[in-house]
Amino acid sequence: MLASLQDILDTVKANNLTYHQKLMTLGQYCRAFI
């Protein structure tokens, strides 16, 4: 059975948020050495 469109959208949003958080953390990590 296919996941509902809402489930897919929620998953994509969650993945995008996680990716954004990783970028922010990486940016802060780099800034600490500059």
N, C-alpha and C. Protein backbone atom coordinates (compact mmCIF):
# COMPACT_ATOMS: atom_id res chain seq x y z
N MET A 1 0.85 -1.20 0.00
CA MET A 1 0.00 0.00 0.00
C MET A 1 0.88 1.25 0.00
N LEU A 2 0.55 2.18 -0.85
CA LEU A 2 1.34 3.41 -0.94
C LEU A 2 1.08 4.32 0.25
N ALA A 3 2.11 5.01 0.66
CA ALA A 3 1.94 5.99 1.74
C ALA A 3 1.10 7.14 1.20
N SER A 4 0.36 7.77 2.10
CA SER A 4 -0.46 8.90 1.65
C SER A 4 0.45 10.07 1.28
N LEU A 5 -0.08 10.96 0.48
CA LEU A 5 0.70 12.12 0.05
C LEU A 5 1.15 12.94 1.25
N GLN A 6 0.28 13.05 2.26
CA GLN A 6 0.62 13.82 3.46
C GLN A 6 1.80 13.19 4.18
N ASP A 7 1.82 11.86 4.27
CA ASP A 7 2.93 11.16 4.92
C ASP A 7 4.23 11.45 4.19
N ILE A 8 4.17 11.43 2.86
CA ILE A 8 5.36 11.69 2.06
C ILE A 8 5.84 13.12 2.27
N LEU A 9 4.90 14.08 2.27
CA LEU A 9 5.27 15.48 2.48
C LEU A 9 5.89 15.67 3.86
N ASP A 10 5.30 15.03 4.87
CA ASP A 10 5.84 15.15 6.23
C ASP A 10 7.26 14.61 6.29
N THR A 11 7.50 13.49 5.61
CA THR A 11 8.83 12.88 5.60
C THR A 11 9.83 13.80 4.92
N VAL A 12 9.43 14.37 3.79
CA VAL A 12 10.31 15.29 3.06
C VAL A 12 10.63 16.51 3.92
N LYS A 13 9.61 17.04 4.59
CA LYS A 13 9.83 18.22 5.44
C LYS A 13 10.78 17.88 6.58
N ALA A 14 10.60 16.71 7.18
CA ALA A 14 11.46 16.29 8.29
C ALA A 14 12.89 16.13 7.80
N ASN A 15 13.07 15.53 6.62
CA ASN A 15 14.41 15.34 6.07
C ASN A 15 15.06 16.67 5.74
N ASN A 16 14.28 17.60 5.21
CA ASN A 16 14.81 18.91 4.87
C ASN A 16 15.24 19.64 6.13
N LEU A 17 14.45 19.51 7.21
CA LEU A 17 14.78 20.17 8.47
C LEU A 17 16.08 19.59 9.02
N THR A 18 16.21 18.27 8.96
CA THR A 18 17.42 17.63 9.46
C THR A 18 18.63 18.09 8.66
N TYR A 19 18.47 18.16 7.34
CA TYR A 19 19.56 18.60 6.47
C TYR A 19 19.94 20.04 6.78
N HIS A 20 18.93 20.88 7.01
CA HIS A 20 19.18 22.29 7.34
C HIS A 20 19.92 22.40 8.66
N GLN A 21 19.52 21.59 9.64
CA GLN A 21 20.17 21.61 10.95
C GLN A 21 21.63 21.18 10.82
N LYS A 22 21.90 20.21 9.98
CA LYS A 22 23.28 19.75 9.77
C LYS A 22 24.12 20.86 9.15
N LEU A 23 23.52 21.58 8.18
CA LEU A 23 24.25 22.68 7.54
C LEU A 23 24.55 23.77 8.56
N MET A 24 23.58 24.10 9.40
CA MET A 24 23.76 25.14 10.41
C MET A 24 24.87 24.73 11.38
N THR A 25 24.85 23.47 11.81
CA THR A 25 25.86 22.97 12.74
C THR A 25 27.23 23.02 12.10
N LEU A 26 27.31 22.62 10.83
CA LEU A 26 28.59 22.64 10.12
C LEU A 26 29.09 24.07 9.98
N GLY A 27 28.19 25.01 9.72
CA GLY A 27 28.56 26.42 9.60
C GLY A 27 29.12 26.96 10.91
N GLN A 28 28.49 26.60 12.02
CA GLN A 28 28.96 27.06 13.33
C GLN A 28 30.32 26.43 13.64
N TYR A 29 30.49 25.17 13.26
CA TYR A 29 31.74 24.46 13.49
C TYR A 29 32.88 25.14 12.73
N CYS A 30 32.62 25.50 11.48
CA CYS A 30 33.64 26.16 10.66
C CYS A 30 33.96 27.55 11.22
N ARG A 31 32.92 28.27 11.66
CA ARG A 31 33.12 29.62 12.17
C ARG A 31 34.00 29.61 13.41
N ALA A 32 33.95 28.54 14.18
CA ALA A 32 34.73 28.46 15.41
C ALA A 32 36.22 28.48 15.12
N PHE A 33 36.61 28.08 13.91
CA PHE A 33 38.03 28.02 13.56
C PHE A 33 38.50 29.22 12.75
N ILE A 34 37.54 30.12 12.43
CA ILE A 34 37.92 31.30 11.64
C ILE A 34 38.22 32.46 12.57
